[in-house]
Structure formats: structure tokens, C-alpha cells
């Protein structure tokens, strides 16, 4: 579409380019707007010097309502201020000086259409990729959810065998089944946490840290009854936040603190300190476990990162970081192989 208040220019443009393109012309910005409302236009050429609305003003007015068409401004040599304004606010693709050169204008239109086509193709590819990604996530969630039901049944059978004192009746086999089942259950639960963290809307509800911490310790300490917990929670004022994501964050950190204790350590310990303030909750979780090598500290929140001493899925700390991002929280870590690991978390109080 070409907009110009001089009809001779419109006629000349149409005569010169009608064989290559489907041409629409408008004698004013208002008429050009009507065309845009009824026809899909790929490239817009507008003259800068028009009486009621300049080319730059027209481009500014359609930036939000018609963002897709590629814009070309026709301007004289002296309109430098208008050109700068068009670039900064009108989102123009390029400018051409008047009177135009037919070859230059033809190449500009062709390049502008290629840019338009590339933008539309990219948008369609992104939409297709998002759809595929969503379907894949749903598939993974569904499969993980369905797998857990028979797995829990198998773990239940192992518990029955223990209750009937038959756990050691077949050598190491029952123990191997239990270990493999627990590991598979861990992977499935991490997959479900990852999916839910991505999909669930951020919610605000009252959070009782004492209740959450006690439940998580009871849930995860079955794996190592020797670990001693020291808990210090100061919550004298109400705290509101995303209870699900906070539980996921604390659960992963407590689980890791237990899982990565030193086997030879006689005094295994985990210290949890939480202080709820008016605007934030400050959380510190420390352990005297095997620690993290200094060169790995920047990588531990990366998806699927696993060191030689890490026998997990490589998802736990990644999920912690992703969940914190969802609720505008922050995390830092200090660690060495002698003293163990300390995580410090700050979560906003969104009451």
C-alpha cells in the first residue's frame, strides 16, 4: 500500500509496480487506515509530507493495531528530524528519498516483503513449537502419573515383605527391588514437580513454616534415620505465598541435605533456620555432608547437571531455582567438601 497526498505520485507508483505486486493506494492517512482495516497488507509506503497526518504520525498510530506490515518512509533530504522520529517511534524498515529510483524502490519492496514473510513464518514456527512443547509436557505428566500407581503398589509389596520378616529371605533381591523402586519413584516425583511448577498459576495463601518443615522431615528422613535435625523457626507474623512452590523448594533442599551426607560421618546433622519478617522470609538450610566442589557451584542449578558424587536426577536444584523464579525469590549457596553446604533463600511475603 502506498499513501501520498499527490495523486500523480500514486498513479506513477501503480503504473510502475502493478505487474509485480497487488497495489493499494490511498490519498490520505485516513483512507490508508480504512484499507488496513479491510485488507491484509504486507508492505506500507508512506510519504512524510502530507497535510493532515505525516507519514511518521501515521506509522506511530498503527504500531500497536497493525504491527505486522513492514514500513517504508518516503522523505526529502531535509527531513532528518522526521526520519529520526520514524526510526525511534514508527518502527520503519527503511527510508527512501524522493524522487525515488525505480530499481531502488523495487529492491526495497522486495526486501521488505521478505522481512514480513520471515516474521510471519517465525511466529507460526514459535506457535507450532509451543503447541508441540505443551503436548509433550502433558504426555510426560500423564505417563509419569500413570507409572507411579503400579510403582507404589510394588513398594507396598516390599513393605509387606518387611512386616512379615521375609525381607532377607531371598538374599539381596528384595533390597535391590526396594532401592530401584525408590529411585524410580524419586525420578517420577521430580518430573511431576517440574511439570506442575511450569503450569500452575502463582497462588497466594497462608504458609505455616513449622508445619511444612515437620512434614517434610518426616517424609524424607526415612532414608537416613541417623541424621539429626536442628530447627529454629521464628514466625510471629503471618506469611503469605505460594504454598505449593515453597514446599517444593524446601522439600528438595531437605531431601538433598539427607541424601548427600557422608556415609562415614557419625554426627550427621542438618540445621534449618527460618525467620519471617514483614516483607520476606529468610531461610537457611545447612548440612555437614559431602559438600560441592567449588568449580561446580555455578552449575548446580542447571537442568540435568550431575557431578561424579551426585547420583540424583540432576533436576532437584534446577526445580528449586525455577520455583523461586516463579515467586520472585532468591537463592545463594556456599559449600566445601570439609564443612558441608549452606543454602540461603529469600522469599517475598505477599500478604
Protein backbone atom coordinates (compact mmCIF):
# COMPACT_ATOMS: atom_id res chain seq x y z
CA UNK A 1 0.00 0.00 0.00
CA UNK A 2 1.25 3.47 -0.94
CA UNK A 3 -0.05 6.59 0.84
CA UNK A 4 0.58 10.01 -0.70
CA UNK A 5 -1.49 13.19 -0.95
CA UNK A 6 -0.35 13.77 -4.56
CA UNK A 7 -2.45 11.74 -6.98
CA UNK A 8 0.21 11.89 -9.72
CA UNK A 9 2.64 10.06 -7.45
CA UNK A 10 0.04 7.41 -6.69
CA UNK A 11 -0.68 6.87 -10.39
CA UNK A 12 3.03 6.71 -11.25
CA UNK A 13 3.66 4.18 -8.48
CA UNK A 14 0.75 2.00 -9.52
CA UNK A 15 1.79 2.08 -13.18
CA UNK A 16 5.38 1.16 -12.33
CA UNK A 17 4.71 -1.72 -9.95
CA UNK A 18 1.28 -3.16 -10.75
CA UNK A 19 2.74 -6.11 -12.70
CA UNK A 20 4.87 -7.30 -9.78
CA UNK A 21 2.56 -6.60 -6.82
CA UNK A 22 -1.03 -6.21 -5.78
CA UNK A 23 -1.15 -2.45 -5.26
CA UNK A 24 -3.41 -0.40 -2.98
CA UNK A 25 -3.15 3.38 -2.96
CA UNK A 26 -4.55 5.97 -0.55
CA UNK A 27 -4.71 9.76 -0.94
CA UNK A 28 -4.57 10.27 2.87
CA UNK A 29 -3.66 8.55 6.10
CA UNK A 30 -7.36 8.15 6.98
CA UNK A 31 -8.01 6.36 3.69
CA UNK A 32 -4.94 4.19 4.25
CA UNK A 33 -6.28 3.19 7.66
CA UNK A 34 -9.58 2.08 6.09
CA UNK A 35 -7.67 -0.13 3.66
CA UNK A 36 -5.69 -1.68 6.53
CA UNK A 37 -8.92 -2.49 8.35
CA UNK A 38 -10.23 -4.46 5.37
CA UNK A 39 -7.20 -5.89 3.59
CA UNK A 40 -4.09 -7.77 4.74
CA UNK A 41 -1.20 -5.56 3.68
CA UNK A 42 2.40 -6.76 3.72
CA UNK A 43 4.31 -3.54 2.97
CA UNK A 44 3.28 0.09 3.62
CA UNK A 45 4.96 3.02 1.89
CA UNK A 46 4.00 6.46 3.18
CA UNK A 47 5.07 9.93 2.14
CA UNK A 48 6.30 12.04 5.05
CA UNK A 49 4.92 15.40 3.91
CA UNK A 50 1.15 15.07 3.91
CA UNK A 51 -1.15 17.90 5.09
CA UNK A 52 -3.32 16.33 7.81
CA UNK A 53 -1.16 13.45 9.05
CA UNK A 54 2.52 12.97 8.24
CA UNK A 55 3.97 9.60 7.35
CA UNK A 56 5.71 9.36 10.73
CA UNK A 57 2.49 10.19 12.60
CA UNK A 58 0.62 7.56 10.60
CA UNK A 59 3.23 4.90 11.35
CA UNK A 60 3.13 5.79 15.05
CA UNK A 61 -0.65 5.44 15.09
CA UNK A 62 -0.63 1.88 13.70
CA UNK A 63 2.33 0.42 15.61
CA UNK A 64 0.07 -1.40 18.10
CA UNK A 65 -3.03 -2.10 16.00
CA UNK A 66 -1.22 -3.23 12.83
CA UNK A 67 2.27 -4.36 13.90
CA UNK A 68 2.94 -6.80 11.06
CA UNK A 69 3.19 -4.73 7.85
CA UNK A 70 6.73 -3.58 7.06
CA UNK A 71 7.03 0.20 6.84
CA UNK A 72 8.95 2.31 4.31
CA UNK A 73 9.07 6.11 4.59
CA UNK A 74 9.40 8.39 1.57
CA UNK A 75 11.13 11.59 2.62
CA UNK A 76 13.07 14.54 1.29
CA UNK A 77 16.74 15.15 2.05
CA UNK A 78 15.97 17.82 4.65
CA UNK A 79 13.60 15.77 6.84
CA UNK A 80 16.29 14.39 9.19
CA UNK A 81 14.28 15.03 12.37
CA UNK A 82 11.26 13.28 10.91
CA UNK A 83 13.46 10.37 9.88
CA UNK A 84 14.92 10.00 13.38
CA UNK A 85 11.40 10.16 14.86
CA UNK A 86 10.21 7.47 12.46
CA UNK A 87 13.07 5.16 13.36
CA UNK A 88 12.61 5.68 17.11
CA UNK A 89 8.81 5.57 17.30
CA UNK A 90 7.35 4.49 13.97
CA UNK A 91 9.21 1.19 13.61
CA UNK A 92 10.19 1.79 9.98
CA UNK A 93 12.11 -0.79 7.96
CA UNK A 94 13.93 1.82 5.86
CA UNK A 95 13.52 5.19 4.18
CA UNK A 96 13.80 6.27 0.55
CA UNK A 97 14.40 9.80 -0.68
CA UNK A 98 12.14 11.47 -3.20
CA UNK A 99 12.07 11.39 -6.11
CA UNK A 100 12.60 7.65 -5.90
CA UNK A 101 14.69 5.46 -8.14
CA UNK A 102 12.52 2.64 -9.55
CA UNK A 103 15.19 -0.03 -9.10
CA UNK A 104 15.99 1.07 -5.56
CA UNK A 105 12.32 1.17 -4.62
CA UNK A 106 11.68 -2.24 -6.21
CA UNK A 107 14.57 -3.80 -4.25
CA UNK A 108 13.35 -2.15 -1.05
CA UNK A 109 9.83 -3.50 -1.52
CA UNK A 110 11.13 -7.00 -2.26
CA UNK A 111 13.39 -6.97 0.81
CA UNK A 112 10.57 -5.59 2.93
CA UNK A 113 8.24 -8.40 1.85
CA UNK A 114 10.96 -10.97 2.61
CA UNK A 115 11.27 -9.43 6.09
CA UNK A 116 7.48 -9.60 6.54
CA UNK A 117 7.37 -13.23 5.39
CA UNK A 118 10.25 -14.18 7.72
CA UNK A 119 8.48 -12.53 10.67
CA UNK A 120 5.19 -14.35 9.98
CA UNK A 121 6.97 -17.68 9.40
CA UNK A 122 8.87 -17.29 12.66
CA UNK A 123 5.67 -16.54 14.55
CA UNK A 124 4.00 -19.63 13.10
CA UNK A 125 7.01 -21.78 13.94
CA UNK A 126 7.04 -20.46 17.52
CA UNK A 127 3.30 -21.15 17.88
CA UNK A 128 3.81 -24.66 16.48
CA UNK A 129 6.77 -25.26 18.80
CA UNK A 130 4.80 -24.02 21.82
CA UNK A 131 1.92 -26.34 20.91
CA UNK A 132 4.28 -29.30 20.48
CA UNK A 133 6.06 -28.48 23.73
CA UNK A 134 2.76 -28.23 25.59
CA UNK A 135 1.61 -31.57 24.18
CA UNK A 136 4.93 -33.17 25.12
CA UNK A 137 4.70 -31.80 28.67
CA UNK A 138 1.17 -33.12 29.00
CA UNK A 139 2.28 -36.51 27.69
CA UNK A 140 5.20 -36.67 30.12
CA UNK A 141 2.94 -35.67 33.01
CA UNK A 142 0.33 -38.26 32.05
CA UNK A 143 2.88 -41.05 31.65
CA UNK A 144 4.64 -40.14 34.91
CA UNK A 145 1.33 -40.04 36.78
CA UNK A 146 0.25 -43.41 35.39
CA UNK A 147 3.63 -45.02 36.09
CA UNK A 148 3.54 -44.05 39.74
CA UNK A 149 0.40 -46.08 40.54
CA UNK A 150 1.89 -49.56 39.84
CA UNK A 151 5.20 -48.41 41.31
CA UNK A 152 3.56 -47.51 44.62
CA UNK A 153 1.94 -50.94 44.60
CA UNK A 154 5.34 -52.59 44.17
CA UNK A 155 6.76 -50.51 47.03
CA UNK A 156 3.78 -51.56 49.12
CA UNK A 157 4.58 -55.23 48.48
CA UNK A 158 8.16 -54.61 49.68
CA UNK A 159 6.77 -53.12 52.90
CA UNK A 160 4.52 -56.16 53.39
CA UNK A 161 7.56 -58.42 52.94
CA UNK A 162 9.33 -56.41 55.64
CA UNK A 163 6.36 -56.71 58.00
CA UNK A 164 6.36 -60.50 57.55
CA UNK A 165 10.11 -60.68 58.23
CA UNK A 166 10.81 -62.05 54.77
CA UNK A 167 12.93 -59.13 53.55
CA UNK A 168 16.20 -61.08 53.85
CA UNK A 169 14.73 -64.45 52.81
CA UNK A 170 15.99 -64.11 49.23
CA UNK A 171 19.43 -62.66 49.76
CA UNK A 172 19.83 -59.13 48.42
CA UNK A 173 16.96 -59.28 45.91
CA UNK A 174 14.29 -57.55 47.99
CA UNK A 175 16.77 -54.81 48.91
CA UNK A 176 17.64 -54.29 45.24
CA UNK A 177 13.94 -54.08 44.35
CA UNK A 178 13.39 -51.50 47.10
CA UNK A 179 16.38 -49.39 46.02
CA UNK A 180 15.35 -49.39 42.36
CA UNK A 181 11.71 -48.63 43.22
CA UNK A 182 12.68 -45.70 45.46
CA UNK A 183 14.98 -44.30 42.78
CA UNK A 184 12.30 -44.60 40.08
CA UNK A 185 9.73 -43.00 42.40
CA UNK A 186 12.16 -40.13 43.03
CA UNK A 187 12.58 -39.51 39.27
CA UNK A 188 8.83 -39.62 38.68
CA UNK A 189 8.10 -37.20 41.52
CA UNK A 190 10.73 -34.74 40.23
CA UNK A 191 9.18 -34.92 36.75
CA UNK A 192 5.73 -34.19 38.19
CA UNK A 193 7.12 -31.29 40.25
CA UNK A 194 8.77 -29.81 37.17
CA UNK A 195 5.54 -30.00 35.19
CA UNK A 196 3.38 -28.54 37.95
CA UNK A 197 5.84 -25.71 38.61
CA UNK A 198 5.66 -24.71 34.93
CA UNK A 199 1.91 -24.97 34.62
CA UNK A 200 0.34 -23.93 37.89
CA UNK A 201 -0.66 -20.31 38.34
CA UNK A 202 1.11 -18.46 41.15
CA UNK A 203 -1.21 -18.56 44.18
CA UNK A 204 -1.25 -16.68 47.47
CA UNK A 205 -2.20 -18.50 50.68
CA UNK A 206 -1.13 -18.58 54.36
CA UNK A 207 2.09 -20.50 54.94
CA UNK A 208 2.94 -22.17 58.26
CA UNK A 209 6.67 -22.98 58.05
CA UNK A 210 6.68 -25.13 61.20
CA UNK A 211 4.05 -27.45 59.79
CA UNK A 212 5.71 -27.66 56.37
CA UNK A 213 9.18 -28.34 57.79
CA UNK A 214 7.98 -31.03 60.21
CA UNK A 215 6.02 -32.81 57.48
CA UNK A 216 8.95 -32.69 55.05
CA UNK A 217 11.41 -34.03 57.61
CA UNK A 218 9.04 -36.89 58.44
CA UNK A 219 8.62 -37.60 54.73
CA UNK A 220 12.29 -37.64 53.75
CA UNK A 221 14.11 -38.79 56.90
CA UNK A 222 13.03 -42.41 56.36
CA UNK A 223 16.02 -42.72 54.02
CA UNK A 224 18.51 -41.94 56.81
CA UNK A 225 17.30 -42.13 60.42
CA UNK A 226 20.78 -41.20 61.68
CA UNK A 227 20.57 -37.58 60.52
CA UNK A 228 19.87 -35.17 63.37
CA UNK A 229 17.81 -32.04 62.66
CA UNK A 230 18.11 -28.71 64.47
CA UNK A 231 15.14 -26.48 63.71
CA UNK A 232 14.81 -22.81 64.59
CA UNK A 233 11.69 -21.12 63.18
CA UNK A 234 10.67 -17.59 64.12
CA UNK A 235 7.25 -16.81 62.67
CA UNK A 236 5.47 -14.28 64.83
CA UNK A 237 3.68 -12.60 61.92
CA UNK A 238 1.54 -14.09 59.12
CA UNK A 239 3.31 -15.13 55.92
CA UNK A 240 1.54 -15.41 52.58
CA UNK A 241 2.97 -17.01 49.50
CA UNK A 242 2.75 -19.90 47.05
CA UNK A 243 2.49 -22.84 49.45
CA UNK A 244 3.00 -25.49 46.74
CA UNK A 245 6.20 -23.97 45.36
CA UNK A 246 7.58 -23.20 48.83
CA UNK A 247 7.03 -26.84 49.79
CA UNK A 248 8.75 -27.98 46.58
CA UNK A 249 11.74 -25.72 47.29
CA UNK A 250 12.15 -26.79 50.91
CA UNK A 251 11.45 -30.44 50.11
CA UNK A 252 14.20 -30.65 47.51
CA UNK A 253 16.75 -28.92 49.75
CA UNK A 254 15.92 -31.07 52.79
CA UNK A 255 15.95 -34.23 50.67
CA UNK A 256 19.40 -33.33 49.30
CA UNK A 257 20.72 -32.47 52.76
CA UNK A 258 19.82 -36.00 53.87
CA UNK A 259 20.81 -37.80 50.68
CA UNK A 260 24.31 -36.32 50.39
CA UNK A 261 25.52 -36.96 53.91
CA UNK A 262 28.92 -38.60 54.30
CA UNK A 263 28.49 -42.32 54.89
CA UNK A 264 31.33 -42.42 57.40
CA UNK A 265 30.08 -39.36 59.33
CA UNK A 266 28.98 -40.32 62.86
CA UNK A 267 27.33 -36.99 63.64
CA UNK A 268 25.14 -36.33 60.60
CA UNK A 269 23.27 -33.07 61.04
CA UNK A 270 21.04 -30.64 59.22
CA UNK A 271 20.28 -27.18 60.58
CA UNK A 272 17.22 -25.23 59.44
CA UNK A 273 16.69 -21.61 60.41
CA UNK A 274 13.68 -19.59 59.23
CA UNK A 275 12.85 -16.04 60.20
CA UNK A 276 9.65 -14.44 58.91
CA UNK A 277 9.77 -10.67 58.59
CA UNK A 278 7.26 -8.13 57.38
CA UNK A 279 8.34 -8.28 53.73
CA UNK A 280 10.33 -11.51 53.41
CA UNK A 281 11.11 -14.91 54.86
CA UNK A 282 14.82 -15.66 55.29
CA UNK A 283 15.62 -19.38 55.19
CA UNK A 284 18.95 -21.10 55.82
CA UNK A 285 19.46 -24.84 55.40
CA UNK A 286 22.91 -26.18 56.33
CA UNK A 287 24.35 -29.68 56.44
CA UNK A 288 27.73 -31.25 57.21
CA UNK A 289 27.52 -33.57 54.21
CA UNK A 290 29.93 -34.28 51.38
CA UNK A 291 29.72 -30.72 50.02
CA UNK A 292 30.05 -29.38 46.49
CA UNK A 293 33.28 -28.71 44.63
CA UNK A 294 33.94 -25.02 44.04
CA UNK A 295 34.07 -25.46 40.24
CA UNK A 296 30.55 -26.97 40.31
CA UNK A 297 28.82 -24.25 42.36
CA UNK A 298 27.83 -22.19 39.30
CA UNK A 299 26.39 -25.27 37.55
CA UNK A 300 24.32 -26.95 40.24
CA UNK A 301 21.10 -25.13 39.28
CA UNK A 302 21.46 -26.21 35.64
CA UNK A 303 19.00 -28.77 34.33
CA UNK A 304 20.35 -32.35 34.44
CA UNK A 305 23.72 -31.28 35.88
CA UNK A 306 25.31 -34.21 37.72
CA UNK A 307 28.74 -34.40 39.28
CA UNK A 308 30.58 -37.64 39.98
CA UNK A 309 29.26 -37.64 43.55
CA UNK A 310 25.70 -36.75 42.52
CA UNK A 311 23.60 -39.84 41.94
CA UNK A 312 20.30 -37.97 41.60
CA UNK A 313 18.35 -36.93 38.53
CA UNK A 314 20.02 -33.54 38.11
CA UNK A 315 16.57 -31.97 38.39
CA UNK A 316 16.19 -31.19 42.10
CA UNK A 317 18.14 -27.92 42.35
CA UNK A 318 17.01 -26.90 38.88
CA UNK A 319 13.39 -27.20 40.06
CA UNK A 320 14.29 -25.20 43.20
CA UNK A 321 15.67 -22.38 41.06
CA UNK A 322 12.72 -22.44 38.65
CA UNK A 323 10.20 -22.42 41.51
CA UNK A 324 11.99 -19.47 43.15
CA UNK A 325 11.89 -17.57 39.85
CA UNK A 326 8.13 -18.07 39.73
CA UNK A 327 7.67 -16.46 43.15
CA UNK A 328 10.42 -13.79 42.79
CA UNK A 329 12.65 -15.50 45.35
CA UNK A 330 16.44 -15.68 45.54
CA UNK A 331 18.93 -18.38 46.49
CA UNK A 332 22.65 -18.48 47.22
CA UNK A 333 24.94 -21.35 48.16
CA UNK A 334 28.26 -21.80 49.90
CA UNK A 335 29.91 -25.18 50.13
CA UNK A 336 33.11 -27.14 50.52
CA UNK A 337 33.94 -30.82 50.94
CA UNK A 338 35.01 -30.40 54.57
CA UNK A 339 32.25 -28.37 56.25
CA UNK A 340 29.30 -29.22 54.00
CA UNK A 341 26.74 -26.99 52.26
CA UNK A 342 24.64 -23.99 53.20
CA UNK A 343 21.72 -22.68 51.14
CA UNK A 344 20.24 -19.25 51.86
CA UNK A 345 16.83 -18.45 50.44
CA UNK A 346 14.79 -15.25 50.47
CA UNK A 347 11.07 -15.45 49.64
CA UNK A 348 8.80 -12.36 49.46
CA UNK A 349 5.88 -12.09 51.86
CA UNK A 350 3.00 -11.21 49.52
CA UNK A 351 0.29 -10.59 52.12
